[in-house]
């Protein structure tokens, strides 16, 4: 066997092994942190010990848009020629509210590449299905910015995902995700979400390969708040603008 071919094969195997290790470490970190927080909370108070606290959730339903033209920072708002947007709701999300401004969750997207759209610098003909599943952690800035209007909840998401496209050559890929988003709360339970995420395929070259793409989304969010507001500051400051005048510290029900 040619020596150069052998070196290339070994390098590819090493890259795949490194990628899998990175995925395992990051996923373990997400779930371990959430578990550790719960354990510390259980052990912090003798009164609460042995009694499991109910989790608080945020659920989302919305639309997603895929920008997969293969040209970073170009045609970012080319809705007609680049963006793929279903007419019907195509995104589901769920996240657990943690402490210190963090939340953790997962999001599922369905989309369809349309004929005439630009995909990786080429105009495609036909329709191709698209699926993605992502696990994420979010850091919410409002937790540590007291002067910020409580209706607005900006955050930074980071996580890992898996994308399945029914179009060659990048049919299946794991991704590293980072972006920005905001929740705009209209009531103590309902709000609107807007988010943009850049997804980088975990393959070589990391920053310049055809599996990278932009993923935008928007929709409605609904919160189920089961946490004591005296302990979970992430939930409490968010709703100061809907506090009862006679019961400061408690949300209206």
C-alpha atoms as a PDB file:
ATOM      1  CA  UNK A   1       0.000   0.000   0.000  1.00  0.00           C
ATOM      2  CA  UNK A   2       1.240   3.484  -0.820  1.00  0.00           C
ATOM      3  CA  UNK A   3       2.713   5.139   2.275  1.00  0.00           C
ATOM      4  CA  UNK A   4       0.825   8.413   1.691  1.00  0.00           C
ATOM      5  CA  UNK A   5      -2.493   6.552   1.390  1.00  0.00           C
ATOM      6  CA  UNK A   6      -1.775   4.719   4.648  1.00  0.00           C
ATOM      7  CA  UNK A   7      -0.996   7.984   6.451  1.00  0.00           C
ATOM      8  CA  UNK A   8      -4.228   9.533   5.149  1.00  0.00           C
ATOM      9  CA  UNK A   9      -6.323   6.578   6.339  1.00  0.00           C
ATOM     10  CA  UNK A  10      -4.732   6.692   9.800  1.00  0.00           C
ATOM     11  CA  UNK A  11      -5.289  10.469   9.999  1.00  0.00           C
ATOM     12  CA  UNK A  12      -8.973  10.144   9.072  1.00  0.00           C
ATOM     13  CA  UNK A  13      -9.498   7.432  11.692  1.00  0.00           C
ATOM     14  CA  UNK A  14      -7.803   9.584  14.313  1.00  0.00           C
ATOM     15  CA  UNK A  15     -10.000  12.557  13.366  1.00  0.00           C
ATOM     16  CA  UNK A  16     -13.176  10.469  13.648  1.00  0.00           C
ATOM     17  CA  UNK A  17     -12.056   9.108  17.016  1.00  0.00           C
ATOM     18  CA  UNK A  18     -11.285  12.609  18.292  1.00  0.00           C
ATOM     19  CA  UNK A  19     -14.675  13.847  17.078  1.00  0.00           C
ATOM     20  CA  UNK A  20     -16.531  11.059  18.884  1.00  0.00           C
ATOM     21  CA  UNK A  21     -14.583  11.716  22.096  1.00  0.00           C
ATOM     22  CA  UNK A  22     -15.416  15.435  21.881  1.00  0.00           C
ATOM     23  CA  UNK A  23     -19.110  14.683  21.421  1.00  0.00           C
ATOM     24  CA  UNK A  24     -19.147  12.312  24.395  1.00  0.00           C
ATOM     25  CA  UNK A  25     -17.348  14.809  26.660  1.00  0.00           C
ATOM     26  CA  UNK A  26     -19.655  17.718  25.819  1.00  0.00           C
ATOM     27  CA  UNK A  27     -22.840  15.679  26.193  1.00  0.00           C
ATOM     28  CA  UNK A  28     -21.613  14.311  29.514  1.00  0.00           C
ATOM     29  CA  UNK A  29     -20.797  17.843  30.683  1.00  0.00           C
ATOM     30  CA  UNK A  30     -24.328  19.104  29.894  1.00  0.00           C
ATOM     31  CA  UNK A  31     -26.117  16.318  31.740  1.00  0.00           C
ATOM     32  CA  UNK A  32     -23.637  16.133  34.632  1.00  0.00           C
ATOM     33  CA  UNK A  33     -23.999  19.840  35.408  1.00  0.00           C
ATOM     34  CA  UNK A  34     -27.781  19.607  35.583  1.00  0.00           C
ATOM     35  CA  UNK A  35     -27.592  16.488  37.799  1.00  0.00           C
ATOM     36  CA  UNK A  36     -24.997  18.098  40.046  1.00  0.00           C
ATOM     37  CA  UNK A  37     -27.172  21.189  40.545  1.00  0.00           C
ATOM     38  CA  UNK A  38     -30.116  19.018  41.584  1.00  0.00           C
ATOM     39  CA  UNK A  39     -27.937  17.059  44.021  1.00  0.00           C
ATOM     40  CA  UNK A  40     -26.519  20.218  45.616  1.00  0.00           C
ATOM     41  CA  UNK A  41     -30.030  21.607  45.990  1.00  0.00           C
ATOM     42  CA  UNK A  42     -31.217  18.416  47.707  1.00  0.00           C
ATOM     43  CA  UNK A  43     -28.312  18.506  50.172  1.00  0.00           C
ATOM     44  CA  UNK A  44     -28.424  22.237  50.924  1.00  0.00           C
ATOM     45  CA  UNK A  45     -31.455  22.147  53.231  1.00  0.00           C
ATOM     46  CA  UNK A  46     -32.283  19.487  55.860  1.00  0.00           C
ATOM     47  CA  UNK A  47     -35.982  20.290  55.418  1.00  0.00           C
ATOM     48  CA  UNK A  48     -35.896  19.600  51.669  1.00  0.00           C
ATOM     49  CA  UNK A  49     -33.664  16.547  51.920  1.00  0.00           C
ATOM     50  CA  UNK A  50     -35.325  13.419  50.585  1.00  0.00           C
ATOM     51  CA  UNK A  51     -38.053  15.339  48.776  1.00  0.00           C
ATOM     52  CA  UNK A  52     -37.487  15.880  45.053  1.00  0.00           C
ATOM     53  CA  UNK A  53     -38.189  19.371  43.778  1.00  0.00           C
ATOM     54  CA  UNK A  54     -40.393  19.753  40.720  1.00  0.00           C
ATOM     55  CA  UNK A  55     -38.687  20.984  37.577  1.00  0.00           C
ATOM     56  CA  UNK A  56     -39.622  24.151  35.708  1.00  0.00           C
ATOM     57  CA  UNK A  57     -39.954  23.910  31.921  1.00  0.00           C
ATOM     58  CA  UNK A  58     -40.135  26.089  28.829  1.00  0.00           C
ATOM     59  CA  UNK A  59     -41.814  24.544  25.772  1.00  0.00           C
ATOM     60  CA  UNK A  60     -41.644  26.014  22.274  1.00  0.00           C
ATOM     61  CA  UNK A  61     -43.427  25.618  18.939  1.00  0.00           C
ATOM     62  CA  UNK A  62     -42.385  27.513  15.825  1.00  0.00           C
ATOM     63  CA  UNK A  63     -40.922  27.750  12.347  1.00  0.00           C
ATOM     64  CA  UNK A  64     -37.339  27.230  11.195  1.00  0.00           C
ATOM     65  CA  UNK A  65     -35.341  28.509   8.214  1.00  0.00           C
ATOM     66  CA  UNK A  66     -32.230  26.783   6.839  1.00  0.00           C
ATOM     67  CA  UNK A  67     -29.517  28.824   5.100  1.00  0.00           C
ATOM     68  CA  UNK A  68     -27.215  26.222   3.509  1.00  0.00           C
ATOM     69  CA  UNK A  69     -25.791  28.087   0.516  1.00  0.00           C
ATOM     70  CA  UNK A  70     -22.170  27.293   1.420  1.00  0.00           C
ATOM     71  CA  UNK A  71     -21.122  30.967   1.519  1.00  0.00           C
ATOM     72  CA  UNK A  72     -20.528  32.223   5.085  1.00  0.00           C
ATOM     73  CA  UNK A  73     -21.467  35.879   5.646  1.00  0.00           C
ATOM     74  CA  UNK A  74     -22.892  36.217   2.127  1.00  0.00           C
ATOM     75  CA  UNK A  75     -26.568  36.433   1.147  1.00  0.00           C
ATOM     76  CA  UNK A  76     -27.540  36.285   4.804  1.00  0.00           C
ATOM     77  CA  UNK A  77     -31.032  37.626   4.110  1.00  0.00           C
ATOM     78  CA  UNK A  78     -31.667  36.146   0.654  1.00  0.00           C
ATOM     79  CA  UNK A  79     -35.054  34.761   1.654  1.00  0.00           C
ATOM     80  CA  UNK A  80     -36.214  33.791  -1.835  1.00  0.00           C
ATOM     81  CA  UNK A  81     -33.017  32.324  -3.281  1.00  0.00           C
ATOM     82  CA  UNK A  82     -31.386  30.767  -0.211  1.00  0.00           C
ATOM     83  CA  UNK A  83     -33.653  30.316   2.811  1.00  0.00           C
ATOM     84  CA  UNK A  84     -35.775  27.164   3.094  1.00  0.00           C
ATOM     85  CA  UNK A  85     -38.874  27.871   5.221  1.00  0.00           C
ATOM     86  CA  UNK A  86     -41.898  25.548   5.640  1.00  0.00           C
ATOM     87  CA  UNK A  87     -45.298  27.226   5.771  1.00  0.00           C
ATOM     88  CA  UNK A  88     -46.407  25.095   8.728  1.00  0.00           C
ATOM     89  CA  UNK A  89     -44.903  24.902  12.261  1.00  0.00           C
ATOM     90  CA  UNK A  90     -41.784  22.775  11.975  1.00  0.00           C
ATOM     91  CA  UNK A  91     -39.913  23.133  15.257  1.00  0.00           C
ATOM     92  CA  UNK A  92     -40.438  21.665  18.741  1.00  0.00           C
ATOM     93  CA  UNK A  93     -38.332  22.484  21.787  1.00  0.00           C
ATOM     94  CA  UNK A  94     -38.241  21.765  25.507  1.00  0.00           C
ATOM     95  CA  UNK A  95     -35.842  23.033  28.155  1.00  0.00           C
ATOM     96  CA  UNK A  96     -35.362  22.794  31.902  1.00  0.00           C
ATOM     97  CA  UNK A  97     -34.715  25.992  33.854  1.00  0.00           C
ATOM     98  CA  UNK A  98     -31.570  25.692  35.929  1.00  0.00           C
ATOM     99  CA  UNK A  99     -29.791  28.055  38.298  1.00  0.00           C
ATOM    100  CA  UNK A 100     -27.535  31.067  37.825  1.00  0.00           C
ATOM    101  CA  UNK A 101     -29.101  31.978  34.495  1.00  0.00           C
ATOM    102  CA  UNK A 102     -28.680  28.593  32.762  1.00  0.00           C
ATOM    103  CA  UNK A 103     -31.223  26.357  31.080  1.00  0.00           C
ATOM    104  CA  UNK A 104     -30.790  22.998  29.332  1.00  0.00           C
ATOM    105  CA  UNK A 105     -32.841  21.296  26.661  1.00  0.00           C
ATOM    106  CA  UNK A 106     -33.343  19.851  23.207  1.00  0.00           C
ATOM    107  CA  UNK A 107     -34.864  21.012  19.929  1.00  0.00           C
ATOM    108  CA  UNK A 108     -36.180  19.128  16.881  1.00  0.00           C
ATOM    109  CA  UNK A 109     -36.545  20.637  13.387  1.00  0.00           C
ATOM    110  CA  UNK A 110     -38.093  19.453  10.148  1.00  0.00           C
ATOM    111  CA  UNK A 111     -37.514  21.259   6.849  1.00  0.00           C
ATOM    112  CA  UNK A 112     -37.473  20.637   3.110  1.00  0.00           C
ATOM    113  CA  UNK A 113     -34.993  21.913   0.545  1.00  0.00           C
ATOM    114  CA  UNK A 114     -36.972  23.384  -2.329  1.00  0.00           C
ATOM    115  CA  UNK A 115     -36.219  23.287  -6.049  1.00  0.00           C
ATOM    116  CA  UNK A 116     -34.427  26.424  -7.248  1.00  0.00           C
ATOM    117  CA  UNK A 117     -32.740  27.141  -3.901  1.00  0.00           C
ATOM    118  CA  UNK A 118     -28.987  27.588  -3.615  1.00  0.00           C
ATOM    119  CA  UNK A 119     -27.439  24.737  -1.621  1.00  0.00           C
ATOM    120  CA  UNK A 120     -23.632  24.685  -1.234  1.00  0.00           C
ATOM    121  CA  UNK A 121     -23.193  27.143  -4.115  1.00  0.00           C
ATOM    122  CA  UNK A 122     -25.371  25.076  -6.485  1.00  0.00           C
ATOM    123  CA  UNK A 123     -28.986  25.501  -7.578  1.00  0.00           C
ATOM    124  CA  UNK A 124     -30.861  22.297  -6.757  1.00  0.00           C
ATOM    125  CA  UNK A 125     -33.753  20.744  -8.650  1.00  0.00           C
ATOM    126  CA  UNK A 126     -36.250  18.687  -6.717  1.00  0.00           C
ATOM    127  CA  UNK A 127     -37.312  18.614  -3.063  1.00  0.00           C
ATOM    128  CA  UNK A 128     -35.189  17.077  -0.307  1.00  0.00           C
ATOM    129  CA  UNK A 129     -36.170  16.439   3.318  1.00  0.00           C
ATOM    130  CA  UNK A 130     -34.140  17.808   6.226  1.00  0.00           C
ATOM    131  CA  UNK A 131     -34.115  16.818   9.918  1.00  0.00           C
ATOM    132  CA  UNK A 132     -32.051  18.065  12.832  1.00  0.00           C
ATOM    133  CA  UNK A 133     -31.923  17.255  16.540  1.00  0.00           C
ATOM    134  CA  UNK A 134     -29.885  19.396  18.934  1.00  0.00           C
ATOM    135  CA  UNK A 135     -29.035  19.375  22.643  1.00  0.00           C
ATOM    136  CA  UNK A 136     -28.124  22.742  24.117  1.00  0.00           C
ATOM    137  CA  UNK A 137     -27.278  24.825  27.160  1.00  0.00           C
ATOM    138  CA  UNK A 138     -28.319  28.489  27.301  1.00  0.00           C
ATOM    139  CA  UNK A 139     -26.866  31.338  29.312  1.00  0.00           C
ATOM    140  CA  UNK A 140     -29.452  34.071  29.996  1.00  0.00           C
ATOM    141  CA  UNK A 141     -27.886  37.515  30.414  1.00  0.00           C
ATOM    142  CA  UNK A 142     -30.849  39.033  32.236  1.00  0.00           C
ATOM    143  CA  UNK A 143     -30.010  36.986  35.298  1.00  0.00           C
ATOM    144  CA  UNK A 144     -27.098  39.335  36.061  1.00  0.00           C
ATOM    145  CA  UNK A 145     -28.345  42.591  34.506  1.00  0.00           C
ATOM    146  CA  UNK A 146     -30.798  44.113  36.955  1.00  0.00           C
ATOM    147  CA  UNK A 147     -31.588  47.224  34.861  1.00  0.00           C
ATOM    148  CA  UNK A 148     -32.741  45.197  31.853  1.00  0.00           C
ATOM    149  CA  UNK A 149     -36.450  45.289  31.012  1.00  0.00           C
ATOM    150  CA  UNK A 150     -37.907  42.061  32.394  1.00  0.00           C
ATOM    151  CA  UNK A 151     -39.957  41.438  29.278  1.00  0.00           C
ATOM    152  CA  UNK A 152     -36.766  40.757  27.322  1.00  0.00           C
ATOM    153  CA  UNK A 153     -34.662  37.672  27.938  1.00  0.00           C
ATOM    154  CA  UNK A 154     -31.572  37.543  25.641  1.00  0.00           C
ATOM    155  CA  UNK A 155     -29.382  34.464  25.790  1.00  0.00           C
ATOM    156  CA  UNK A 156     -26.499  32.605  24.146  1.00  0.00           C
ATOM    157  CA  UNK A 157     -27.067  28.925  23.209  1.00  0.00           C
ATOM    158  CA  UNK A 158     -24.261  26.402  22.764  1.00  0.00           C
ATOM    159  CA  UNK A 159     -24.490  22.667  22.130  1.00  0.00           C
ATOM    160  CA  UNK A 160     -24.195  19.657  19.871  1.00  0.00           C
ATOM    161  CA  UNK A 161     -26.498  18.337  17.199  1.00  0.00           C
ATOM    162  CA  UNK A 162     -27.147  15.835  14.451  1.00  0.00           C
ATOM    163  CA  UNK A 163     -28.357  16.834  10.968  1.00  0.00           C
ATOM    164  CA  UNK A 164     -29.799  14.494   8.350  1.00  0.00           C
ATOM    165  CA  UNK A 165     -30.198  15.814   4.787  1.00  0.00           C
ATOM    166  CA  UNK A 166     -31.628  13.735   1.950  1.00  0.00           C
ATOM    167  CA  UNK A 167     -29.222  15.345  -0.512  1.00  0.00           C
ATOM    168  CA  UNK A 168     -25.582  14.507  -1.312  1.00  0.00           C
ATOM    169  CA  UNK A 169     -22.786  14.803  -0.435  1.00  0.00           C
ATOM    170  CA  UNK A 170     -23.387  15.869   3.190  1.00  0.00           C
ATOM    171  CA  UNK A 171     -26.264  13.583   4.081  1.00  0.00           C
ATOM    172  CA  UNK A 172     -25.411  12.942   7.711  1.00  0.00           C
ATOM    173  CA  UNK A 173     -23.296  15.018  10.070  1.00  0.00           C
ATOM    174  CA  UNK A 174     -22.755  15.849  13.730  1.00  0.00           C
ATOM    175  CA  UNK A 175     -22.514  19.567  14.454  1.00  0.00           C
ATOM    176  CA  UNK A 176     -21.166  21.978  17.053  1.00  0.00           C
ATOM    177  CA  UNK A 177     -23.709  24.778  17.540  1.00  0.00           C
ATOM    178  CA  UNK A 178     -23.368  28.342  18.820  1.00  0.00           C
ATOM    179  CA  UNK A 179     -25.646  31.333  18.339  1.00  0.00           C
ATOM    180  CA  UNK A 180     -27.840  34.008  19.918  1.00  0.00           C
ATOM    181  CA  UNK A 181     -31.507  34.308  20.815  1.00  0.00           C
ATOM    182  CA  UNK A 182     -34.125  36.166  22.796  1.00  0.00           C
ATOM    183  CA  UNK A 183     -37.411  35.414  24.560  1.00  0.00           C
ATOM    184  CA  UNK A 184     -39.931  38.266  24.651  1.00  0.00           C
ATOM    185  CA  UNK A 185     -42.502  37.644  27.393  1.00  0.00           C
ATOM    186  CA  UNK A 186     -45.990  39.071  26.911  1.00  0.00           C
ATOM    187  CA  UNK A 187     -47.548  37.451  30.009  1.00  0.00           C
ATOM    188  CA  UNK A 188     -46.290  35.403  32.940  1.00  0.00           C
ATOM    189  CA  UNK A 189     -46.713  32.246  30.845  1.00  0.00           C
ATOM    190  CA  UNK A 190     -46.609  33.119  27.132  1.00  0.00           C
ATOM    191  CA  UNK A 191     -43.910  34.695  25.015  1.00  0.00           C
ATOM    192  CA  UNK A 192     -42.190  34.814  21.637  1.00  0.00           C
ATOM    193  CA  UNK A 193     -38.792  33.335  20.759  1.00  0.00           C
ATOM    194  CA  UNK A 194     -36.312  34.395  18.058  1.00  0.00           C
ATOM    195  CA  UNK A 195     -33.025  32.560  17.527  1.00  0.00           C
ATOM    196  CA  UNK A 196     -30.111  32.244  15.089  1.00  0.00           C
ATOM    197  CA  UNK A 197     -27.565  29.419  15.325  1.00  0.00           C
ATOM    198  CA  UNK A 198     -24.465  28.658  13.316  1.00  0.00           C
ATOM    199  CA  UNK A 199     -23.864  24.917  12.960  1.00  0.00           C
ATOM    200  CA  UNK A 200     -20.334  23.676  12.230  1.00  0.00           C
ATOM    201  CA  UNK A 201     -19.946  20.129  10.941  1.00  0.00           C
ATOM    202  CA  UNK A 202     -17.569  18.009  13.025  1.00  0.00           C
ATOM    203  CA  UNK A 203     -15.420  17.041  10.077  1.00  0.00           C
ATOM    204  CA  UNK A 204     -12.271  18.305   8.402  1.00  0.00           C
ATOM    205  CA  UNK A 205     -11.710  21.145   7.647  1.00  0.00           C
ATOM    206  CA  UNK A 206     -13.705  22.209  10.706  1.00  0.00           C
ATOM    207  CA  UNK A 207     -14.487  25.824   9.748  1.00  0.00           C
ATOM    208  CA  UNK A 208     -14.647  25.368   5.988  1.00  0.00           C
ATOM    209  CA  UNK A 209     -16.687  22.341   4.949  1.00  0.00           C
ATOM    210  CA  UNK A 210     -19.966  21.927   3.106  1.00  0.00           C
ATOM    211  CA  UNK A 211     -21.839  20.550   6.112  1.00  0.00           C
ATOM    212  CA  UNK A 212     -21.784  23.953   7.867  1.00  0.00           C
ATOM    213  CA  UNK A 213     -24.985  26.009   7.717  1.00  0.00           C
ATOM    214  CA  UNK A 214     -27.066  28.685   9.446  1.00  0.00           C
ATOM    215  CA  UNK A 215     -30.311  27.822  11.229  1.00  0.00           C
ATOM    216  CA  UNK A 216     -32.871  30.510  12.117  1.00  0.00           C
ATOM    217  CA  UNK A 217     -36.117  30.061  14.027  1.00  0.00           C
ATOM    218  CA  UNK A 218     -39.061  31.915  15.536  1.00  0.00           C
ATOM    219  CA  UNK A 219     -42.173  30.873  17.425  1.00  0.00           C
ATOM    220  CA  UNK A 220     -44.095  30.900  20.692  1.00  0.00           C
ATOM    221  CA  UNK A 221     -42.901  29.707  24.106  1.00  0.00           C
ATOM    222  CA  UNK A 222     -44.831  28.612  27.184  1.00  0.00           C
ATOM    223  CA  UNK A 223     -43.382  28.322  30.691  1.00  0.00           C
ATOM    224  CA  UNK A 224     -44.393  25.912  33.462  1.00  0.00           C
ATOM    225  CA  UNK A 225     -42.949  27.385  36.650  1.00  0.00           C
ATOM    226  CA  UNK A 226     -42.747  24.858  39.504  1.00  0.00           C
ATOM    227  CA  UNK A 227     -39.730  26.319  41.286  1.00  0.00           C
ATOM    228  CA  UNK A 228     -39.647  28.307  44.561  1.00  0.00           C
ATOM    229  CA  UNK A 229     -38.874  31.833  43.390  1.00  0.00           C
ATOM    230  CA  UNK A 230     -36.810  32.587  46.476  1.00  0.00           C
ATOM    231  CA  UNK A 231     -34.265  29.984  45.389  1.00  0.00           C
ATOM    232  CA  UNK A 232     -34.418  30.067  41.579  1.00  0.00           C
ATOM    233  CA  UNK A 233     -33.429  33.603  40.696  1.00  0.00           C
ATOM    234  CA  UNK A 234     -33.532  32.823  36.964  1.00  0.00           C
ATOM    235  CA  UNK A 235     -37.332  32.623  37.166  1.00  0.00           C
ATOM    236  CA  UNK A 236     -37.991  35.295  39.801  1.00  0.00           C
ATOM    237  CA  UNK A 237     -36.406  38.415  38.214  1.00  0.00           C
ATOM    238  CA  UNK A 238     -37.945  37.648  34.864  1.00  0.00           C
ATOM    239  CA  UNK A 239     -41.458  38.306  36.110  1.00  0.00           C
ATOM    240  CA  UNK A 240     -41.052  41.333  38.379  1.00  0.00           C
ATOM    241  CA  UNK A 241     -43.147  43.279  35.895  1.00  0.00           C
ATOM    242  CA  UNK A 242     -46.183  41.053  36.599  1.00  0.00           C
ATOM    243  CA  UNK A 243     -45.870  40.854  40.400  1.00  0.00           C
ATOM    244  CA  UNK A 244     -48.974  41.427  42.440  1.00  0.00           C
ATOM    245  CA  UNK A 245     -48.843  44.824  44.170  1.00  0.00           C
ATOM    246  CA  UNK A 246     -49.985  43.292  47.448  1.00  0.00           C
ATOM    247  CA  UNK A 247     -47.844  40.131  47.245  1.00  0.00           C
ATOM    248  CA  UNK A 248     -44.365  41.220  46.279  1.00  0.00           C
ATOM    249  CA  UNK A 249     -42.223  38.252  45.314  1.00  0.00           C
ATOM    250  CA  UNK A 250     -45.051  36.100  43.980  1.00  0.00           C
ATOM    251  CA  UNK A 251     -46.259  35.885  40.374  1.00  0.00           C
ATOM    252  CA  UNK A 252     -49.924  36.319  39.526  1.00  0.00           C
ATOM    253  CA  UNK A 253     -51.622  33.006  38.940  1.00  0.00           C
END
